[in-house]
């Protein structure tokens, strides 16, 4: 049992990491990753929703009628999105303003609904929690990585989550501002996908 739970957790960190292996949830990946802080903040918010909705869907999976399961899943997800939105307004308001409409849009994130439908509705609480946590952490690391690359190349700085900006490049560095614009997001994602595909697969 413990081994299975660990496997469900670790698959989201590499084998099924959403943006790079499953190519899901690309809207926030492209839209909010101008900085490391934005990427990590969005990832943590999504992780909270993933874990909470997976647990609740798993608990109610034998009660929810199959004909209305998608509608029920959306209501559950929307509840956790509302909670995380209120928490961010209370404790991380500047970050909430930066992420804007993309926090409410977690409701329609295909990763969250997909895990509820494909996994949590068919498995127990422990496995569903591990699945949501693993997928969420993998998603957070992916957004943080893309945000770091874009910010570092585009501005020469790194915004440490919830702390401050640090100047990484020297005074002579000329920022490549293209990377913090919308087209730069596609370039950064494409390069990351290329690198992921170069890593040899398990035999």
N, C-alpha and C. Protein backbone atom coordinates (compact mmCIF):
# COMPACT_ATOMS: atom_id res chain seq x y z
N UNK A 1 0.83 -1.21 0.00
CA UNK A 1 0.00 0.00 0.00
C UNK A 1 0.86 1.26 0.00
N UNK A 2 1.86 1.28 0.92
CA UNK A 2 2.75 2.45 1.01
C UNK A 2 3.51 2.66 -0.28
N UNK A 3 3.96 1.56 -0.89
CA UNK A 3 4.70 1.66 -2.15
C UNK A 3 3.83 2.24 -3.25
N UNK A 4 2.57 1.82 -3.29
CA UNK A 4 1.65 2.33 -4.31
C UNK A 4 1.41 3.82 -4.13
N UNK A 5 1.25 4.26 -2.89
CA UNK A 5 1.03 5.68 -2.61
C UNK A 5 2.24 6.49 -3.05
N UNK A 6 3.43 5.98 -2.76
CA UNK A 6 4.66 6.68 -3.18
C UNK A 6 4.74 6.76 -4.70
N UNK A 7 4.37 5.71 -5.37
CA UNK A 7 4.38 5.71 -6.84
C UNK A 7 3.41 6.74 -7.40
N UNK A 8 2.24 6.85 -6.79
CA UNK A 8 1.26 7.83 -7.26
C UNK A 8 1.78 9.25 -7.05
N UNK A 9 2.54 9.44 -5.97
CA UNK A 9 3.11 10.77 -5.71
C UNK A 9 4.23 11.10 -6.70
N UNK A 10 5.14 10.17 -6.90
CA UNK A 10 6.33 10.46 -7.72
C UNK A 10 6.04 10.56 -9.21
N UNK A 11 4.96 9.96 -9.69
CA UNK A 11 4.68 10.01 -11.13
C UNK A 11 4.46 11.44 -11.60
N UNK A 12 3.89 12.28 -10.73
CA UNK A 12 3.63 13.67 -11.11
C UNK A 12 4.87 14.54 -11.12
N UNK A 13 5.96 14.03 -10.56
CA UNK A 13 7.20 14.81 -10.52
C UNK A 13 8.02 14.66 -11.80
N UNK A 14 7.77 13.57 -12.55
CA UNK A 14 8.54 13.39 -13.79
C UNK A 14 7.74 12.68 -14.88
N UNK A 15 7.30 11.45 -14.63
CA UNK A 15 6.67 10.65 -15.68
C UNK A 15 5.42 11.29 -16.26
N UNK A 16 4.66 11.99 -15.42
CA UNK A 16 3.41 12.61 -15.89
C UNK A 16 3.36 14.09 -15.53
N UNK A 17 4.51 14.74 -15.49
CA UNK A 17 4.51 16.17 -15.16
C UNK A 17 3.70 16.91 -16.22
N UNK A 18 2.69 17.64 -15.76
CA UNK A 18 1.62 18.10 -16.65
C UNK A 18 2.07 18.94 -17.85
N UNK A 19 2.83 20.03 -17.67
CA UNK A 19 3.12 20.88 -18.84
C UNK A 19 4.06 20.23 -19.86
N UNK A 20 4.97 19.37 -19.39
CA UNK A 20 6.02 18.86 -20.27
C UNK A 20 5.74 17.47 -20.82
N UNK A 21 5.13 16.60 -20.03
CA UNK A 21 4.88 15.22 -20.49
C UNK A 21 3.45 15.05 -20.98
N UNK A 22 2.47 15.62 -20.27
CA UNK A 22 1.07 15.50 -20.68
C UNK A 22 0.61 16.68 -21.52
N UNK A 23 1.39 17.75 -21.52
CA UNK A 23 1.08 18.99 -22.25
C UNK A 23 -0.32 19.47 -21.88
N UNK A 24 -0.54 19.62 -20.57
CA UNK A 24 -1.82 20.11 -20.05
C UNK A 24 -1.58 21.35 -19.21
N UNK A 25 -2.63 22.16 -19.05
CA UNK A 25 -2.54 23.35 -18.20
C UNK A 25 -1.63 24.42 -18.76
N UNK A 26 -1.58 24.54 -20.08
CA UNK A 26 -0.64 25.46 -20.70
C UNK A 26 -1.05 26.92 -20.60
N UNK A 27 -2.33 27.19 -20.35
CA UNK A 27 -2.77 28.58 -20.24
C UNK A 27 -2.03 29.32 -19.12
N UNK A 28 -2.05 28.83 -17.88
CA UNK A 28 -1.26 29.52 -16.85
C UNK A 28 0.23 29.41 -17.07
N UNK A 29 0.69 28.31 -17.66
CA UNK A 29 2.12 28.15 -17.94
C UNK A 29 2.62 29.29 -18.81
N UNK A 30 1.85 29.64 -19.80
CA UNK A 30 2.26 30.70 -20.73
C UNK A 30 1.95 32.09 -20.21
N UNK A 31 0.90 32.21 -19.42
CA UNK A 31 0.40 33.55 -19.07
C UNK A 31 1.04 34.15 -17.83
N UNK A 32 1.37 33.35 -16.84
CA UNK A 32 1.78 33.93 -15.55
C UNK A 32 3.25 33.73 -15.22
N UNK A 33 4.02 33.15 -16.13
CA UNK A 33 5.41 32.81 -15.80
C UNK A 33 6.41 33.88 -16.21
N UNK A 34 6.04 35.14 -16.09
CA UNK A 34 7.02 36.20 -16.37
C UNK A 34 8.11 36.23 -15.31
N UNK A 35 7.76 35.79 -14.10
CA UNK A 35 8.71 35.79 -12.99
C UNK A 35 8.64 34.47 -12.24
N UNK A 36 9.70 34.18 -11.50
CA UNK A 36 9.73 32.99 -10.65
C UNK A 36 8.62 33.05 -9.60
N UNK A 37 8.43 34.22 -8.99
CA UNK A 37 7.42 34.37 -7.95
C UNK A 37 6.03 34.06 -8.47
N UNK A 38 5.70 34.58 -9.65
CA UNK A 38 4.38 34.32 -10.24
C UNK A 38 4.18 32.83 -10.49
N UNK A 39 5.20 32.20 -11.05
CA UNK A 39 5.09 30.77 -11.36
C UNK A 39 4.89 29.93 -10.12
N UNK A 40 5.69 30.17 -9.08
CA UNK A 40 5.56 29.40 -7.84
C UNK A 40 4.22 29.68 -7.17
N UNK A 41 3.80 30.95 -7.16
CA UNK A 41 2.52 31.29 -6.54
C UNK A 41 1.36 30.61 -7.22
N UNK A 42 1.35 30.61 -8.55
CA UNK A 42 0.28 29.94 -9.29
C UNK A 42 0.32 28.44 -9.06
N UNK A 43 1.53 27.88 -9.03
CA UNK A 43 1.67 26.45 -8.81
C UNK A 43 1.17 26.02 -7.45
N UNK A 44 1.49 26.79 -6.41
CA UNK A 44 1.05 26.45 -5.06
C UNK A 44 -0.47 26.56 -4.93
N UNK A 45 -1.05 27.57 -5.57
CA UNK A 45 -2.51 27.71 -5.54
C UNK A 45 -3.17 26.52 -6.21
N UNK A 46 -2.63 26.10 -7.34
CA UNK A 46 -3.17 24.95 -8.05
C UNK A 46 -2.99 23.67 -7.25
N UNK A 47 -1.85 23.54 -6.57
CA UNK A 47 -1.60 22.36 -5.74
C UNK A 47 -2.63 22.26 -4.62
N UNK A 48 -2.92 23.37 -3.98
CA UNK A 48 -3.94 23.39 -2.92
C UNK A 48 -5.27 22.89 -3.44
N UNK A 49 -5.67 23.38 -4.60
CA UNK A 49 -6.95 22.98 -5.18
C UNK A 49 -6.91 21.50 -5.58
N UNK A 50 -5.80 21.07 -6.16
CA UNK A 50 -5.66 19.67 -6.58
C UNK A 50 -5.82 18.72 -5.41
N UNK A 51 -5.08 18.98 -4.34
CA UNK A 51 -5.11 18.08 -3.19
C UNK A 51 -6.49 18.09 -2.54
N UNK A 52 -7.03 19.28 -2.31
CA UNK A 52 -8.33 19.38 -1.66
C UNK A 52 -9.44 18.73 -2.46
N UNK A 53 -9.50 19.01 -3.76
CA UNK A 53 -10.56 18.45 -4.60
C UNK A 53 -10.40 16.94 -4.77
N UNK A 54 -9.16 16.47 -4.90
CA UNK A 54 -8.94 15.03 -5.03
C UNK A 54 -9.44 14.29 -3.79
N UNK A 55 -9.11 14.81 -2.62
CA UNK A 55 -9.53 14.16 -1.37
C UNK A 55 -11.05 14.13 -1.26
N UNK A 56 -11.69 15.26 -1.52
CA UNK A 56 -13.15 15.34 -1.37
C UNK A 56 -13.87 14.49 -2.42
N UNK A 57 -13.37 14.51 -3.65
CA UNK A 57 -13.98 13.67 -4.70
C UNK A 57 -13.84 12.20 -4.34
N UNK A 58 -12.68 11.82 -3.82
CA UNK A 58 -12.47 10.43 -3.42
C UNK A 58 -13.41 10.03 -2.29
N UNK A 59 -13.63 10.93 -1.34
CA UNK A 59 -14.53 10.64 -0.22
C UNK A 59 -15.98 10.47 -0.69
N UNK A 60 -16.37 11.22 -1.71
CA UNK A 60 -17.76 11.23 -2.15
C UNK A 60 -18.01 10.40 -3.40
N UNK A 61 -17.00 9.67 -3.85
CA UNK A 61 -17.09 9.00 -5.16
C UNK A 61 -18.21 7.96 -5.22
N UNK A 62 -18.55 7.35 -4.11
CA UNK A 62 -19.62 6.35 -4.11
C UNK A 62 -21.00 6.95 -3.86
N UNK A 63 -21.02 8.25 -3.60
CA UNK A 63 -22.30 8.94 -3.33
C UNK A 63 -22.77 9.74 -4.54
N UNK A 64 -21.82 10.33 -5.26
CA UNK A 64 -22.17 11.19 -6.39
C UNK A 64 -22.73 10.35 -7.54
N UNK A 65 -23.93 10.64 -8.05
CA UNK A 65 -24.48 9.90 -9.20
C UNK A 65 -23.62 10.11 -10.44
N UNK A 66 -23.41 9.07 -11.20
CA UNK A 66 -22.51 9.14 -12.35
C UNK A 66 -22.98 10.14 -13.40
N UNK A 67 -24.30 10.33 -13.50
CA UNK A 67 -24.81 11.23 -14.54
C UNK A 67 -24.49 12.70 -14.28
N UNK A 68 -24.25 13.05 -13.02
CA UNK A 68 -23.97 14.45 -12.69
C UNK A 68 -22.58 14.61 -12.07
N UNK A 69 -21.71 13.63 -12.29
CA UNK A 69 -20.41 13.65 -11.62
C UNK A 69 -19.56 14.84 -12.05
N UNK A 70 -19.58 15.20 -13.34
CA UNK A 70 -18.74 16.31 -13.81
C UNK A 70 -19.20 17.62 -13.17
N UNK A 71 -20.50 17.83 -13.12
CA UNK A 71 -21.03 19.05 -12.49
C UNK A 71 -20.65 19.09 -11.02
N UNK A 72 -20.73 17.96 -10.34
CA UNK A 72 -20.36 17.91 -8.93
C UNK A 72 -18.88 18.16 -8.73
N UNK A 73 -18.05 17.61 -9.62
CA UNK A 73 -16.61 17.83 -9.53
C UNK A 73 -16.28 19.31 -9.68
N UNK A 74 -16.97 19.97 -10.61
CA UNK A 74 -16.72 21.39 -10.85
C UNK A 74 -17.11 22.22 -9.62
N UNK A 75 -18.23 21.85 -8.98
CA UNK A 75 -18.64 22.56 -7.77
C UNK A 75 -17.60 22.38 -6.67
N UNK A 76 -17.09 21.18 -6.50
CA UNK A 76 -16.06 20.91 -5.49
C UNK A 76 -14.80 21.71 -5.79
N UNK A 77 -14.36 21.69 -7.04
CA UNK A 77 -13.15 22.43 -7.43
C UNK A 77 -13.35 23.92 -7.22
N UNK A 78 -14.52 24.43 -7.62
CA UNK A 78 -14.81 25.87 -7.46
C UNK A 78 -14.78 26.28 -5.99
N UNK A 79 -15.21 25.39 -5.11
CA UNK A 79 -15.18 25.68 -3.67
C UNK A 79 -13.75 25.89 -3.19
N UNK A 80 -12.85 25.00 -3.59
CA UNK A 80 -11.45 25.13 -3.17
C UNK A 80 -10.76 26.32 -3.84
N UNK A 81 -11.17 26.63 -5.05
CA UNK A 81 -10.62 27.82 -5.72
C UNK A 81 -11.03 29.08 -4.97
N UNK A 82 -12.28 29.13 -4.53
CA UNK A 82 -12.75 30.27 -3.75
C UNK A 82 -11.96 30.41 -2.45
N UNK A 83 -11.70 29.28 -1.80
CA UNK A 83 -10.91 29.30 -0.56
C UNK A 83 -9.51 29.84 -0.81
N UNK A 84 -8.84 29.33 -1.84
CA UNK A 84 -7.46 29.78 -2.11
C UNK A 84 -7.45 31.23 -2.55
N UNK A 85 -8.48 31.67 -3.26
CA UNK A 85 -8.57 33.06 -3.68
C UNK A 85 -8.70 33.99 -2.47
N UNK A 86 -9.54 33.62 -1.53
CA UNK A 86 -9.70 34.43 -0.31
C UNK A 86 -8.44 34.43 0.54
N UNK A 87 -7.77 33.29 0.64
CA UNK A 87 -6.52 33.21 1.40
C UNK A 87 -5.44 34.11 0.78
N UNK A 88 -5.37 34.11 -0.55
CA UNK A 88 -4.37 34.95 -1.22
C UNK A 88 -4.69 36.43 -1.05
N UNK A 89 -5.96 36.76 -1.10
CA UNK A 89 -6.33 38.16 -0.86
C UNK A 89 -5.97 38.61 0.55
N UNK A 90 -6.06 37.68 1.50
CA UNK A 90 -5.79 38.02 2.90
C UNK A 90 -4.30 38.07 3.22
N UNK A 91 -3.51 37.15 2.63
CA UNK A 91 -2.12 37.01 3.06
C UNK A 91 -1.08 37.35 2.00
N UNK A 92 -1.42 37.25 0.73
CA UNK A 92 -0.45 37.56 -0.34
C UNK A 92 -1.12 38.44 -1.39
N UNK A 93 -1.65 39.56 -0.95
CA UNK A 93 -2.45 40.40 -1.85
C UNK A 93 -1.67 40.91 -3.07
N UNK A 94 -0.41 41.35 -2.94
CA UNK A 94 0.32 41.79 -4.14
C UNK A 94 0.44 40.68 -5.18
N UNK A 95 0.71 39.46 -4.73
CA UNK A 95 0.79 38.33 -5.66
C UNK A 95 -0.57 38.03 -6.27
N UNK A 96 -1.62 38.14 -5.47
CA UNK A 96 -2.97 37.94 -5.98
C UNK A 96 -3.27 38.91 -7.12
N UNK A 97 -2.87 40.16 -6.96
CA UNK A 97 -3.09 41.15 -8.01
C UNK A 97 -2.30 40.81 -9.28
N UNK A 98 -1.08 40.29 -9.12
CA UNK A 98 -0.27 39.94 -10.28
C UNK A 98 -0.88 38.77 -11.06
N UNK A 99 -1.41 37.80 -10.35
CA UNK A 99 -1.96 36.62 -11.02
C UNK A 99 -3.36 36.89 -11.59
N UNK A 100 -4.08 37.80 -10.96
CA UNK A 100 -5.35 38.28 -11.52
C UNK A 100 -6.37 37.19 -11.81
N UNK A 101 -6.89 37.22 -13.03
CA UNK A 101 -7.99 36.34 -13.42
C UNK A 101 -7.58 34.87 -13.45
N UNK A 102 -6.29 34.59 -13.45
CA UNK A 102 -5.85 33.20 -13.59
C UNK A 102 -6.06 32.40 -12.31
N UNK A 103 -6.28 33.04 -11.18
CA UNK A 103 -6.65 32.30 -9.97
C UNK A 103 -8.07 31.73 -10.10
N UNK A 104 -9.09 32.55 -10.42
CA UNK A 104 -10.42 31.96 -10.63
C UNK A 104 -10.46 30.93 -11.75
N UNK A 105 -9.59 31.09 -12.74
CA UNK A 105 -9.60 30.17 -13.89
C UNK A 105 -9.05 28.79 -13.55
N UNK A 106 -8.53 28.60 -12.33
CA UNK A 106 -8.13 27.26 -11.92
C UNK A 106 -9.33 26.31 -11.97
N UNK A 107 -10.54 26.87 -11.82
CA UNK A 107 -11.76 26.05 -11.88
C UNK A 107 -11.82 25.24 -13.17
N UNK A 108 -11.40 25.83 -14.27
CA UNK A 108 -11.49 25.15 -15.57
C UNK A 108 -10.14 24.60 -16.03
N UNK A 109 -9.18 24.53 -15.12
CA UNK A 109 -7.88 23.96 -15.47
C UNK A 109 -8.06 22.46 -15.72
N UNK A 110 -7.65 22.01 -16.90
CA UNK A 110 -7.89 20.62 -17.27
C UNK A 110 -7.11 19.64 -16.40
N UNK A 111 -6.03 20.08 -15.77
CA UNK A 111 -5.28 19.20 -14.88
C UNK A 111 -6.14 18.84 -13.67
N UNK A 112 -6.76 19.85 -13.06
CA UNK A 112 -7.54 19.63 -11.84
C UNK A 112 -8.76 18.77 -12.12
N UNK A 113 -9.54 19.12 -13.13
CA UNK A 113 -10.73 18.33 -13.47
C UNK A 113 -10.34 16.95 -13.96
N UNK A 114 -9.23 16.87 -14.70
CA UNK A 114 -8.77 15.58 -15.20
C UNK A 114 -8.38 14.62 -14.09
N UNK A 115 -7.71 15.11 -13.05
CA UNK A 115 -7.33 14.24 -11.93
C UNK A 115 -8.56 13.80 -11.15
N UNK A 116 -9.54 14.69 -11.02
CA UNK A 116 -10.77 14.33 -10.32
C UNK A 116 -11.52 13.22 -11.06
N UNK A 117 -11.62 13.37 -12.39
CA UNK A 117 -12.37 12.41 -13.20
C UNK A 117 -11.60 11.11 -13.42
N UNK A 118 -10.33 11.23 -13.76
CA UNK A 118 -9.57 10.05 -14.15
C UNK A 118 -9.01 9.27 -12.97
N UNK A 119 -8.80 9.94 -11.83
CA UNK A 119 -8.11 9.25 -10.73
C UNK A 119 -8.91 9.26 -9.43
N UNK A 120 -9.20 10.45 -8.90
CA UNK A 120 -9.80 10.52 -7.56
C UNK A 120 -11.16 9.83 -7.49
N UNK A 121 -11.91 9.86 -8.58
CA UNK A 121 -13.24 9.23 -8.57
C UNK A 121 -13.18 7.71 -8.62
N UNK A 122 -11.95 7.16 -8.77
CA UNK A 122 -11.79 5.71 -8.88
C UNK A 122 -10.87 5.12 -7.81
N UNK A 123 -10.30 5.99 -6.94
CA UNK A 123 -9.32 5.51 -5.97
C UNK A 123 -9.61 6.05 -4.58
N UNK A 124 -8.91 5.46 -3.59
CA UNK A 124 -9.10 5.83 -2.21
C UNK A 124 -8.48 7.18 -1.87
N UNK A 125 -8.69 7.60 -0.61
CA UNK A 125 -8.27 8.93 -0.18
C UNK A 125 -6.75 9.08 -0.21
N UNK A 126 -6.02 8.09 0.32
CA UNK A 126 -4.56 8.19 0.41
C UNK A 126 -3.93 8.31 -0.98
N UNK A 127 -4.35 7.46 -1.89
CA UNK A 127 -3.79 7.50 -3.25
C UNK A 127 -4.20 8.79 -3.96
N UNK A 128 -5.42 9.23 -3.75
CA UNK A 128 -5.88 10.47 -4.40
C UNK A 128 -5.13 11.68 -3.87
N UNK A 129 -4.86 11.70 -2.57
CA UNK A 129 -4.09 12.79 -1.98
C UNK A 129 -2.67 12.80 -2.53
N UNK A 130 -2.05 11.61 -2.61
CA UNK A 130 -0.69 11.50 -3.15
C UNK A 130 -0.64 11.93 -4.62
N UNK A 131 -1.66 11.53 -5.37
CA UNK A 131 -1.73 11.91 -6.79
C UNK A 131 -1.83 13.43 -6.94
N UNK A 132 -2.73 14.05 -6.18
CA UNK A 132 -2.90 15.50 -6.27
C UNK A 132 -1.66 16.25 -5.83
N UNK A 133 -1.03 15.78 -4.75
CA UNK A 133 0.17 16.45 -4.25
C UNK A 133 1.33 16.32 -5.24
N UNK A 134 1.52 15.13 -5.79
CA UNK A 134 2.59 14.93 -6.75
C UNK A 134 2.40 15.73 -8.02
N UNK A 135 1.17 15.71 -8.55
CA UNK A 135 0.89 16.48 -9.77
C UNK A 135 1.03 17.97 -9.50
N UNK A 136 0.60 18.41 -8.31
CA UNK A 136 0.70 19.83 -7.97
C UNK A 136 2.13 20.30 -7.82
N UNK A 137 2.95 19.50 -7.13
CA UNK A 137 4.36 19.88 -6.96
C UNK A 137 5.08 19.87 -8.30
N UNK A 138 4.80 18.88 -9.13
CA UNK A 138 5.39 18.85 -10.47
C UNK A 138 5.00 20.06 -11.29
N UNK A 139 3.74 20.46 -11.18
CA UNK A 139 3.25 21.64 -11.89
C UNK A 139 3.92 22.91 -11.37
N UNK A 140 4.08 22.98 -10.03
CA UNK A 140 4.73 24.15 -9.42
C UNK A 140 6.18 24.26 -9.86
N UNK A 141 6.90 23.14 -9.85
CA UNK A 141 8.30 23.15 -10.28
C UNK A 141 8.42 23.55 -11.75
N UNK A 142 7.48 23.09 -12.56
CA UNK A 142 7.50 23.43 -13.99
C UNK A 142 7.30 24.93 -14.20
N UNK A 143 6.31 25.50 -13.52
CA UNK A 143 6.06 26.93 -13.64
C UNK A 143 7.22 27.74 -13.09
N UNK A 144 7.78 27.28 -11.96
CA UNK A 144 8.92 27.98 -11.39
C UNK A 144 10.13 27.96 -12.30
N UNK A 145 10.36 26.82 -12.96
CA UNK A 145 11.50 26.70 -13.88
C UNK A 145 11.35 27.63 -15.08
N UNK A 146 10.17 27.61 -15.69
CA UNK A 146 9.95 28.48 -16.85
C UNK A 146 10.01 29.95 -16.42
N UNK A 147 9.40 30.27 -15.27
CA UNK A 147 9.46 31.65 -14.78
C UNK A 147 10.87 32.11 -14.50
N UNK A 148 11.70 31.22 -13.96
CA UNK A 148 13.09 31.57 -13.67
C UNK A 148 13.86 31.88 -14.95
N UNK A 149 13.69 31.02 -15.95
CA UNK A 149 14.39 31.22 -17.22
C UNK A 149 13.96 32.52 -17.88
N UNK A 150 12.66 32.75 -17.93
CA UNK A 150 12.16 33.96 -18.58
C UNK A 150 12.61 35.22 -17.85
N UNK A 151 12.51 35.20 -16.52
CA UNK A 151 12.87 36.38 -15.74
C UNK A 151 14.38 36.64 -15.80
N UNK A 152 15.15 35.57 -15.69
CA UNK A 152 16.60 35.73 -15.67
C UNK A 152 17.11 36.30 -16.99
N UNK A 153 16.63 35.74 -18.10
CA UNK A 153 17.06 36.23 -19.41
C UNK A 153 16.43 37.58 -19.73
N UNK A 154 15.17 37.75 -19.36
CA UNK A 154 14.43 38.95 -19.73
C UNK A 154 14.73 40.18 -18.90
N UNK A 155 15.14 39.99 -17.63
CA UNK A 155 15.40 41.15 -16.77
C UNK A 155 16.75 41.09 -16.06
N UNK A 156 17.34 39.90 -15.98
CA UNK A 156 18.60 39.76 -15.26
C UNK A 156 18.43 39.60 -13.77
N UNK A 157 17.18 39.47 -13.31
CA UNK A 157 16.91 39.33 -11.87
C UNK A 157 16.12 38.05 -11.62
N UNK A 158 15.99 37.68 -10.35
CA UNK A 158 15.13 36.60 -9.92
C UNK A 158 14.30 37.09 -8.73
N UNK A 159 13.00 36.94 -8.81
CA UNK A 159 12.12 37.36 -7.71
C UNK A 159 11.89 36.17 -6.81
N UNK A 160 12.58 36.11 -5.69
CA UNK A 160 12.39 35.01 -4.75
C UNK A 160 10.96 35.06 -4.23
N UNK A 161 10.26 33.91 -4.24
CA UNK A 161 8.85 33.90 -3.84
C UNK A 161 8.62 34.52 -2.47
N UNK A 162 7.74 35.52 -2.44
CA UNK A 162 7.27 36.17 -1.22
C UNK A 162 8.39 36.93 -0.49
N UNK A 163 9.53 37.15 -1.16
CA UNK A 163 10.63 37.86 -0.50
C UNK A 163 11.00 39.12 -1.26
N UNK A 164 11.99 39.05 -2.14
CA UNK A 164 12.45 40.25 -2.84
C UNK A 164 13.18 39.83 -4.11
N UNK A 165 13.46 40.79 -4.96
CA UNK A 165 14.21 40.54 -6.19
C UNK A 165 15.70 40.58 -5.91
N UNK A 166 16.43 39.70 -6.55
CA UNK A 166 17.89 39.74 -6.45
C UNK A 166 18.47 39.92 -7.85
N UNK A 167 19.49 40.76 -7.94
CA UNK A 167 20.17 41.00 -9.21
C UNK A 167 21.16 39.87 -9.44
N UNK A 168 20.93 39.08 -10.47
CA UNK A 168 21.79 37.94 -10.76
C UNK A 168 22.87 38.31 -11.76
N UNK A 169 22.46 38.96 -12.83
CA UNK A 169 23.41 39.37 -13.86
C UNK A 169 24.13 40.65 -13.44
N UNK A 170 25.31 40.85 -13.97
CA UNK A 170 26.08 42.05 -13.65
C UNK A 170 25.50 43.31 -14.27
N UNK A 171 26.11 44.43 -13.92
CA UNK A 171 25.62 45.72 -14.42
C UNK A 171 25.72 45.84 -15.94
N UNK A 172 26.63 45.10 -16.54
CA UNK A 172 26.80 45.18 -17.99
C UNK A 172 25.82 44.32 -18.78
N UNK A 173 25.00 43.56 -18.08
CA UNK A 173 24.07 42.67 -18.78
C UNK A 173 22.94 43.48 -19.43
N UNK A 174 22.67 43.17 -20.68
CA UNK A 174 21.58 43.83 -21.41
C UNK A 174 20.42 42.85 -21.51
N UNK A 175 19.34 43.11 -20.76
CA UNK A 175 18.21 42.17 -20.72
C UNK A 175 17.60 41.93 -22.10
N UNK A 176 17.25 40.68 -22.34
CA UNK A 176 16.57 40.28 -23.57
C UNK A 176 15.08 40.31 -23.28
N UNK A 177 14.49 41.50 -23.36
CA UNK A 177 13.11 41.72 -22.90
C UNK A 177 12.08 40.89 -23.64
N UNK A 178 12.45 40.36 -24.80
CA UNK A 178 11.54 39.50 -25.55
C UNK A 178 11.03 38.34 -24.69
N UNK A 179 11.87 37.84 -23.77
CA UNK A 179 11.51 36.65 -23.00
C UNK A 179 10.40 36.91 -21.99
N UNK A 180 10.20 38.14 -21.57
CA UNK A 180 9.12 38.42 -20.63
C UNK A 180 7.85 38.91 -21.34
N UNK A 181 7.88 38.89 -22.66
CA UNK A 181 6.69 39.17 -23.44
C UNK A 181 5.98 37.86 -23.79
N UNK A 182 4.78 37.97 -24.33
CA UNK A 182 3.99 36.77 -24.64
C UNK A 182 4.71 35.78 -25.56
N UNK A 183 5.36 36.23 -26.65
CA UNK A 183 6.05 35.26 -27.51
C UNK A 183 7.18 34.53 -26.78
N UNK A 184 7.81 35.20 -25.80
CA UNK A 184 8.88 34.57 -25.05
C UNK A 184 8.42 33.36 -24.27
N UNK A 185 7.15 33.37 -23.85
CA UNK A 185 6.60 32.23 -23.13
C UNK A 185 6.58 30.99 -24.01
N UNK A 186 6.19 31.18 -25.28
CA UNK A 186 6.16 30.05 -26.21
C UNK A 186 7.57 29.53 -26.49
N UNK A 187 8.52 30.44 -26.62
CA UNK A 187 9.90 30.04 -26.87
C UNK A 187 10.45 29.25 -25.68
N UNK A 188 10.22 29.77 -24.46
CA UNK A 188 10.71 29.09 -23.26
C UNK A 188 10.07 27.71 -23.11
N UNK A 189 8.76 27.62 -23.34
CA UNK A 189 8.08 26.33 -23.24
C UNK A 189 8.60 25.36 -24.30
N UNK A 190 8.79 25.84 -25.52
CA UNK A 190 9.30 24.99 -26.58
C UNK A 190 10.69 24.44 -26.26
N UNK A 191 11.55 25.28 -25.72
CA UNK A 191 12.89 24.83 -25.34
C UNK A 191 12.83 23.79 -24.23
N UNK A 192 11.94 24.00 -23.27
CA UNK A 192 11.80 23.04 -22.18
C UNK A 192 11.27 21.69 -22.70
N UNK A 193 10.30 21.74 -23.59
CA UNK A 193 9.78 20.50 -24.17
C UNK A 193 10.86 19.77 -24.94
N UNK A 194 11.69 20.52 -25.65
CA UNK A 194 12.79 19.92 -26.41
C UNK A 194 13.76 19.21 -25.46
N UNK A 195 14.13 19.89 -24.38
CA UNK A 195 15.06 19.29 -23.42
C UNK A 195 14.47 18.06 -22.76
N UNK A 196 13.17 18.11 -22.44
CA UNK A 196 12.53 16.95 -21.81
C UNK A 196 12.53 15.74 -22.76
N UNK A 197 12.35 16.00 -24.05
CA UNK A 197 12.32 14.90 -25.02
C UNK A 197 13.71 14.33 -25.29
N UNK A 198 14.75 15.10 -24.96
CA UNK A 198 16.12 14.60 -25.13
C UNK A 198 16.54 13.64 -24.02
N UNK A 199 15.83 13.73 -22.88
CA UNK A 199 16.15 12.83 -21.77
C UNK A 199 15.70 11.43 -22.13
N UNK A 200 16.59 10.44 -22.08
CA UNK A 200 16.21 9.07 -22.45
C UNK A 200 15.13 8.52 -21.57
N UNK A 201 14.20 7.79 -22.18
CA UNK A 201 13.11 7.18 -21.43
C UNK A 201 13.58 5.91 -20.76
N UNK A 202 12.84 5.51 -19.70
CA UNK A 202 13.18 4.27 -19.02
C UNK A 202 12.96 3.09 -19.93
N UNK A 203 13.79 2.09 -19.78
CA UNK A 203 13.67 0.91 -20.62
C UNK A 203 12.39 0.13 -20.25
